[in-house]
Amino acid sequence: MPLDVADLVDRARNGQPRAVARLISLVEDAHPALREVAAALTPYTGRAWVIGLTGPPGVGKSTSTSVLVSALRAAGKRVGVLAIDPSSPFSGGALLGDRIRMTEHATDPGVFIRSMATRGHLGGLSWATPQAVRVLDAAGFDVVLIETVGVGQSEVDVVRLADTTVVLLAPGLGDGVQAAKAGVLEIADVFVVNKADREGADTVVRDLKQLIAFARREIRGESWRQPVVRTVAARGEGVSELVKALSGHRDWLAAHGELARRRAGRAASEVAAIALRELRARMTDPHRGGHLPAVAKKVADRALDPYAAADELLAALRDDS
């Protein structure tokens, strides 16, 4: 049966979760109709507030996401959640653990939750996450929450996709601040110290505030000062303060033109990723030129150096276009 993209988009915009799920599946599967889907969705995008949540394993990201959904729903917001799960090395599928932990929202028509597999993509996100955000945005969700995979210190891709990035830490995970080094601390717009009822929470908060104060010495001009919010997500404590901090950041973005700049950067990253994906396909597909194996053999045979081979490859691709 032929795929009716226009009808699918209309049904998604009318709040039908099956249509939304089908569109995200098309994105994940890189369906041949993906170009048509993107074209149909684009006029309806640009309205959703995209919030990323990241942090080291065991910090309580899923619980925090769940209580944040509850708070946003209480404020009348429609919420979409993209929970990025590790891929199985055997099937490539996601473990769906986040969706299991958010069962309290399963029957709420104002909430859509989708677990997505990383499928080997580094940086804490699935390669399909940007297009999945586009689907939820076009489908009329006011807020899109992206929860990163939670596998370590390399989850910084979310900053290229989110309007607001939340970095969660917790006491009892070793050195709380060091647990999120290697770039994760630098991407935060809001810090959350979860499990704040535990011993050591005051130390994590103090270290974060010192880090923020030190970083601001190097900043010239006006900038956003990241708040540090204490929460006990398992009991819903501190969630109203978190929502207030998030709203404050969104207002600051809009007032200083930063929201438009971030979204332009997001668009640039998305376009570049699609172009590079297409370029790789053209380089290796024998039906579309397949020039890479030929020039690679010349390098292996020492007939060309790698830079000259790259020039030859680019010239061949230009001639094919």
Protein backbone atom coordinates (compact mmCIF):
# COMPACT_ATOMS: atom_id res chain seq x y z
CA MET A 1 0.00 0.00 0.00
CA PRO A 2 1.51 3.40 -1.03
CA LEU A 3 2.50 5.73 1.78
CA ASP A 4 0.28 8.84 1.96
CA VAL A 5 2.65 11.30 3.63
CA ALA A 6 0.22 14.23 3.59
CA ASP A 7 -2.47 12.18 5.33
CA LEU A 8 0.04 10.87 7.88
CA VAL A 9 1.21 14.41 8.71
CA ASP A 10 -2.40 15.64 9.00
CA ARG A 11 -3.25 12.83 11.42
CA ALA A 12 -0.12 13.55 13.48
CA ARG A 13 -1.06 17.22 13.68
CA ASN A 14 -4.54 16.21 14.83
CA GLY A 15 -3.01 14.45 17.82
CA GLN A 16 -3.10 10.82 16.68
CA PRO A 17 -0.21 9.07 18.48
CA ARG A 18 -0.06 6.23 15.95
CA ALA A 19 0.63 8.73 13.17
CA VAL A 20 3.36 10.39 15.26
CA ALA A 21 4.92 7.00 16.00
CA ARG A 22 4.77 6.04 12.32
CA LEU A 23 6.54 9.23 11.26
CA ILE A 24 9.33 8.67 13.79
CA SER A 25 9.68 5.08 12.56
CA LEU A 26 10.09 6.39 9.01
CA VAL A 27 12.85 8.65 10.29
CA GLU A 28 14.65 5.88 12.18
CA ASP A 29 14.45 3.53 9.20
CA ALA A 30 15.68 6.18 6.75
CA HIS A 31 12.60 5.45 4.63
CA PRO A 32 12.75 6.52 0.95
CA ALA A 33 9.89 8.93 1.65
CA LEU A 34 11.96 10.78 4.29
CA ARG A 35 12.57 13.77 2.02
CA GLU A 36 8.84 14.09 1.41
CA VAL A 37 8.16 13.76 5.13
CA ALA A 38 10.66 16.52 6.00
CA ALA A 39 9.17 18.83 3.38
CA ALA A 40 5.64 18.23 4.70
CA LEU A 41 6.64 18.80 8.34
CA THR A 42 8.81 21.90 7.96
CA PRO A 43 6.03 24.54 7.69
CA TYR A 44 4.69 23.47 11.09
CA THR A 45 7.97 23.48 13.02
CA GLY A 46 9.78 26.06 15.15
CA ARG A 47 7.26 26.27 17.98
CA ALA A 48 8.38 23.58 20.45
CA TRP A 49 10.73 24.31 23.33
CA VAL A 50 13.43 21.63 23.21
CA ILE A 51 15.00 20.69 26.55
CA GLY A 52 17.89 18.23 26.80
CA LEU A 53 18.67 16.30 29.97
CA THR A 54 22.07 14.70 30.38
CA GLY A 55 24.43 13.50 33.08
CA PRO A 56 26.35 10.45 34.26
CA PRO A 57 24.72 7.05 34.84
CA GLY A 58 22.77 6.63 38.08
CA VAL A 59 22.00 10.32 38.47
CA GLY A 60 18.24 9.85 38.06
CA LYS A 61 17.63 11.22 34.58
CA SER A 62 14.58 9.06 33.87
CA THR A 63 12.92 9.87 37.19
CA SER A 64 13.69 13.56 36.73
CA THR A 65 12.26 13.47 33.21
CA SER A 66 9.09 11.81 34.48
CA VAL A 67 8.43 14.36 37.23
CA LEU A 68 9.24 17.20 34.84
CA VAL A 69 6.61 15.82 32.44
CA SER A 70 4.08 15.87 35.31
CA ALA A 71 4.91 19.50 36.14
CA LEU A 72 4.67 20.61 32.51
CA ARG A 73 1.36 18.79 32.06
CA ALA A 74 0.01 20.50 35.18
CA ALA A 75 0.85 23.78 33.43
CA GLY A 76 -1.21 22.69 30.42
CA LYS A 77 1.70 21.85 28.10
CA ARG A 78 1.69 18.97 25.61
CA VAL A 79 4.96 17.09 26.10
CA GLY A 80 6.92 14.82 23.80
CA VAL A 81 9.75 12.71 25.23
CA LEU A 82 12.60 11.15 23.27
CA ALA A 83 14.40 8.76 25.62
CA ILE A 84 17.64 7.61 24.03
CA ASP A 85 18.50 4.09 25.13
CA PRO A 86 21.66 2.03 24.54
CA SER A 87 21.45 -0.30 21.56
CA SER A 88 21.66 -4.04 21.87
CA PRO A 89 24.90 -5.18 20.20
CA PHE A 90 22.94 -8.13 18.80
CA SER A 91 19.61 -6.76 17.58
CA GLY A 92 20.45 -3.04 17.39
CA GLY A 93 17.22 -2.27 19.29
CA ALA A 94 16.71 -0.11 22.36
CA LEU A 95 16.18 -1.57 25.81
CA LEU A 96 13.09 0.62 26.37
CA GLY A 97 13.96 1.08 30.03
CA ASP A 98 12.97 4.74 30.09
CA ARG A 99 9.51 4.05 28.70
CA ILE A 100 8.98 1.39 31.39
CA ARG A 101 9.87 3.95 34.10
CA MET A 102 7.35 6.46 32.71
CA THR A 103 4.29 4.22 32.68
CA GLU A 104 2.33 6.74 34.76
CA HIS A 105 2.11 8.93 31.64
CA ALA A 106 1.19 6.11 29.26
CA THR A 107 -2.53 6.88 29.20
CA ASP A 108 -2.16 10.67 29.01
CA PRO A 109 -3.08 11.86 25.49
CA GLY A 110 -1.01 15.00 26.08
CA VAL A 111 2.20 13.00 26.44
CA PHE A 112 4.08 11.05 23.77
CA ILE A 113 7.09 8.94 24.82
CA ARG A 114 9.43 7.27 22.38
CA SER A 115 12.54 5.24 23.19
CA MET A 116 15.17 5.45 20.46
CA ALA A 117 18.24 3.28 20.02
CA THR A 118 21.64 4.90 19.56
CA ARG A 119 22.52 2.23 16.95
CA GLY A 120 26.20 2.84 17.58
CA HIS A 121 26.01 6.64 17.33
CA LEU A 122 28.27 8.37 19.85
CA GLY A 123 27.49 11.54 21.77
CA GLY A 124 24.49 10.27 23.75
CA LEU A 125 21.91 10.60 20.97
CA SER A 126 20.54 8.60 18.07
CA TRP A 127 21.45 9.87 14.59
CA ALA A 128 17.70 10.20 13.95
CA THR A 129 17.03 12.40 16.99
CA PRO A 130 16.99 15.76 15.10
CA GLN A 131 14.33 14.53 12.67
CA ALA A 132 12.34 12.95 15.50
CA VAL A 133 12.32 16.35 17.25
CA ARG A 134 11.00 17.82 13.99
CA VAL A 135 8.13 15.30 14.00
CA LEU A 136 7.10 16.14 17.58
CA ASP A 137 7.44 19.87 16.94
CA ALA A 138 5.23 19.69 13.85
CA ALA A 139 2.73 17.49 15.70
CA GLY A 140 2.05 20.39 18.07
CA PHE A 141 3.92 19.41 21.23
CA ASP A 142 4.76 22.49 23.29
CA VAL A 143 7.82 20.95 24.91
CA VAL A 144 10.13 18.20 23.67
CA LEU A 145 12.32 16.55 26.31
CA ILE A 146 15.41 14.67 25.13
CA GLU A 147 16.96 12.33 27.66
CA THR A 148 20.43 11.20 26.62
CA VAL A 149 21.63 7.65 26.82
CA GLY A 150 23.55 7.85 30.11
CA VAL A 151 26.68 5.90 29.25
CA GLY A 152 29.47 8.24 30.26
CA GLN A 153 31.17 11.57 29.67
CA SER A 154 30.75 11.99 25.90
CA GLU A 155 27.10 13.04 25.84
CA VAL A 156 27.58 16.57 24.55
CA ASP A 157 25.70 16.29 21.22
CA VAL A 158 22.51 17.33 23.00
CA VAL A 159 23.74 20.94 23.22
CA ARG A 160 23.56 21.15 19.41
CA LEU A 161 19.92 20.11 19.48
CA ALA A 162 18.37 21.62 22.62
CA ASP A 163 17.24 25.16 23.34
CA THR A 164 17.97 24.52 27.02
CA THR A 165 20.38 21.87 28.34
CA VAL A 166 20.07 20.47 31.86
CA VAL A 167 23.05 18.67 33.39
CA LEU A 168 22.15 16.44 36.33
CA LEU A 169 24.59 15.40 39.03
CA ALA A 170 24.12 13.56 42.31
CA PRO A 171 26.14 12.90 45.45
CA GLY A 172 27.53 9.45 46.01
CA LEU A 173 28.86 8.97 42.47
CA GLY A 174 32.46 9.69 43.37
CA ASP A 175 33.48 13.31 42.89
CA GLY A 176 30.18 14.79 41.71
CA VAL A 177 31.71 17.49 39.52
CA GLN A 178 34.49 15.30 38.14
CA ALA A 179 31.86 12.71 37.20
CA ALA A 180 30.63 15.10 34.52
CA LYS A 181 33.88 16.56 33.20
CA ALA A 182 35.19 16.34 29.62
CA GLY A 183 32.80 18.85 28.15
CA VAL A 184 29.54 17.96 29.88
CA LEU A 185 29.79 20.72 32.49
CA GLU A 186 30.45 23.33 29.83
CA ILE A 187 27.19 22.65 28.00
CA ALA A 188 24.87 23.23 30.97
CA ASP A 189 22.28 26.00 31.01
CA VAL A 190 20.81 24.65 34.26
CA PHE A 191 22.50 22.40 36.80
CA VAL A 192 20.43 19.97 38.86
CA VAL A 193 21.80 18.21 41.92
CA ASN A 194 19.38 15.31 42.25
CA LYS A 195 19.10 13.02 45.28
CA ALA A 196 19.82 16.15 47.29
CA ASP A 197 18.70 14.45 50.51
CA ARG A 198 21.85 12.34 50.45
CA GLU A 199 25.09 13.07 52.27
CA GLY A 200 27.47 15.05 50.10
CA ALA A 201 24.83 17.07 48.26
CA ASP A 202 26.01 20.33 49.85
CA THR A 203 29.53 19.63 48.61
CA VAL A 204 28.37 19.07 45.01
CA VAL A 205 26.32 22.30 45.10
CA ARG A 206 29.26 24.27 46.53
CA ASP A 207 31.69 22.88 43.94
CA LEU A 208 29.31 23.72 41.10
CA LYS A 209 28.81 27.29 42.29
CA GLN A 210 32.58 27.75 42.60
CA LEU A 211 33.04 26.37 39.09
CA ILE A 212 30.40 28.74 37.69
CA ALA A 213 31.94 31.74 39.45
CA PHE A 214 35.41 30.83 38.17
CA ALA A 215 34.19 30.39 34.59
CA ARG A 216 32.42 33.74 34.60
CA ARG A 217 35.71 35.56 35.25
CA GLU A 218 36.71 34.71 31.67
CA ILE A 219 33.45 35.99 30.14
CA ARG A 220 33.22 39.46 28.66
CA GLY A 221 29.80 41.09 28.41
CA GLU A 222 26.41 39.86 29.55
CA SER A 223 25.87 36.13 29.85
CA TRP A 224 23.50 33.63 31.39
CA ARG A 225 24.46 32.55 34.91
CA GLN A 226 23.60 28.89 35.31
CA PRO A 227 21.40 28.24 38.35
CA VAL A 228 22.01 25.21 40.56
CA VAL A 229 18.75 23.52 41.56
CA ARG A 230 18.43 20.87 44.27
CA THR A 231 15.89 18.10 43.66
CA VAL A 232 14.78 14.79 45.07
CA ALA A 233 13.02 13.61 41.94
CA ALA A 234 11.80 10.36 43.46
CA ARG A 235 9.66 12.43 45.84
CA GLY A 236 8.91 15.30 43.45
CA GLU A 237 10.88 17.77 45.57
CA GLY A 238 12.45 20.79 43.89
CA VAL A 239 10.60 20.28 40.60
CA SER A 240 8.79 23.63 40.75
CA GLU A 241 12.17 25.34 41.25
CA LEU A 242 13.52 23.44 38.24
CA VAL A 243 10.60 24.55 36.05
CA LYS A 244 11.17 28.14 37.21
CA ALA A 245 14.87 27.92 36.29
CA LEU A 246 14.05 26.46 32.87
CA SER A 247 11.47 29.17 32.18
CA GLY A 248 13.97 31.83 33.24
CA HIS A 249 16.49 30.50 30.75
CA ARG A 250 13.95 30.47 27.94
CA ASP A 251 13.02 34.09 28.67
CA TRP A 252 16.71 35.04 28.67
CA LEU A 253 17.27 33.29 25.32
CA ALA A 254 14.40 35.16 23.73
CA ALA A 255 15.39 38.54 25.20
CA HIS A 256 19.01 38.33 24.03
CA GLY A 257 18.52 36.81 20.58
CA GLU A 258 20.23 33.62 21.68
CA LEU A 259 17.26 31.40 20.86
CA ALA A 260 17.42 32.33 17.17
CA ARG A 261 21.20 31.83 17.15
CA ARG A 262 20.95 28.39 18.73
CA ARG A 263 18.25 27.29 16.33
CA ALA A 264 20.28 28.51 13.36
CA GLY A 265 23.19 26.45 14.66
CA ARG A 266 20.92 23.46 15.06
CA ALA A 267 19.74 23.82 11.48
CA ALA A 268 23.35 24.08 10.26
CA SER A 269 24.30 20.88 12.08
CA GLU A 270 21.27 19.04 10.69
CA VAL A 271 21.92 20.15 7.11
CA ALA A 272 25.61 19.25 7.37
CA ALA A 273 24.78 15.80 8.77
CA ILE A 274 22.37 15.08 5.92
CA ALA A 275 24.86 16.33 3.32
CA LEU A 276 27.68 14.21 4.78
CA ARG A 277 25.43 11.16 4.87
CA GLU A 278 24.57 11.67 1.20
CA LEU A 279 28.22 12.25 0.32
CA ARG A 280 29.31 9.03 2.04
CA ALA A 281 26.63 7.12 0.15
CA ARG A 282 27.81 8.55 -3.17
CA MET A 283 31.44 7.71 -2.39
CA THR A 284 30.79 4.05 -1.65
CA ASP A 285 27.70 3.07 -3.66
CA PRO A 286 28.86 1.34 -6.89
CA HIS A 287 25.61 2.39 -8.57
CA ARG A 288 26.29 6.07 -7.83
CA GLY A 289 29.95 6.26 -8.81
CA GLY A 290 31.60 4.30 -6.02
CA HIS A 291 34.88 6.18 -6.46
CA LEU A 292 36.24 5.64 -2.95
CA PRO A 293 37.45 2.04 -3.36
CA ALA A 294 39.34 2.97 -6.55
CA VAL A 295 41.23 5.91 -5.04
CA ALA A 296 41.81 3.98 -1.81
CA LYS A 297 43.55 1.26 -3.82
CA LYS A 298 45.86 3.88 -5.36
CA VAL A 299 46.84 5.01 -1.87
CA ALA A 300 47.40 1.43 -0.73
CA ASP A 301 49.57 0.82 -3.83
CA ARG A 302 51.49 4.05 -3.07
CA ALA A 303 50.51 5.52 -6.41
CA LEU A 304 48.90 8.50 -4.67
CA ASP A 305 49.26 10.17 -1.30
CA PRO A 306 46.02 10.50 0.76
CA TYR A 307 45.60 14.22 0.07
CA ALA A 308 45.98 13.83 -3.69
CA ALA A 309 43.57 10.89 -3.53
CA ALA A 310 41.03 13.02 -1.65
CA ASP A 311 41.33 15.72 -4.34
CA GLU A 312 40.74 13.09 -7.03
CA LEU A 313 37.71 11.76 -5.16
CA LEU A 314 36.15 15.20 -4.80
CA ALA A 315 36.78 15.95 -8.46
CA ALA A 316 35.06 12.70 -9.46
CA LEU A 317 32.07 13.51 -7.25
CA ARG A 318 31.79 16.96 -8.84
CA ASP A 319 31.86 15.42 -12.31
CA ASP A 320 29.05 13.01 -11.33
CA SER A 321 26.79 15.77 -10.05
